[in-house]
Amino acid sequence: MIITSVEESRANKMVRIFIDNHYAFAIPQEDYIRNHLYEEGEITAGRLEHIRKDVLVRAAREKGVYYLTIRDRSEGQLLKKLTEAGFDEDIARIAANELKGLGYLNDSRYAMRYLAGRIKTKALSQKALRYELAQKYIPADIIETVFSEFEVDDEEVAFRAARKKFGKYDLDDEKVQRKVLNFLLHRGFSFDIGYKVLKLMKEERK
């Protein structure tokens, strides 16, 4: 097997290696130099396997740890970061699996922490919270498990949020009622919940 060409990327400091005119792998520039690949014309199957299984996985794993020290991430988020950094998807997945085994990655833990934080900082419906978790690549089964451990009552959450924001307004004013409904709809609550909240707020004033 012959290394027929290389392509260097200044954007992510990766080098794409082509063997026998076919793309083979992407490697960080420092590892490309450290492993003297620039000196090699011919590459054996054993050498190629070593680079894939050892050099590239180690580099991706170290990059993953770096990303996770900046902030906690889901497995899907980390895979996205690693592939954006230039690592091939299969290498990124192996590295992510190793980090899971070491306890660096845990989607259930991430989802629990995220949900607990969002509930404290912003009143959102279950629908909105589920959507946010899905956007962070949390699997559906983990989302269901996490919600089964949290008691999130949409009506209660919506009532507290609306009362806090509109408690001093004239709730008999139709413009105010529309503002309350729009506020709750924007946070993912249904019309039904919105009308119930308005009714409860009015009853509270009596």
Foldseek 3Di string as FASTA:
>chain_A
DFFPDWDADPVLQWIFTADPNHTDFIAHNVVCVVVVVVVGGDDDPVRSCCCLPPVLLVVLLVVLVVVVVVDNAALVVSLVVSVVSPGDSVSNVVSSVVCVVVVSHDLLVVLLVVVVVCLVPDQAALVLSLVVSVVRVRDPVSSVVSVVVDDDDNLVSLLVVLCVVCVPPDLVDVVNLVVSQVVRVVRPDDSVSSVVSSVVSVVVVD
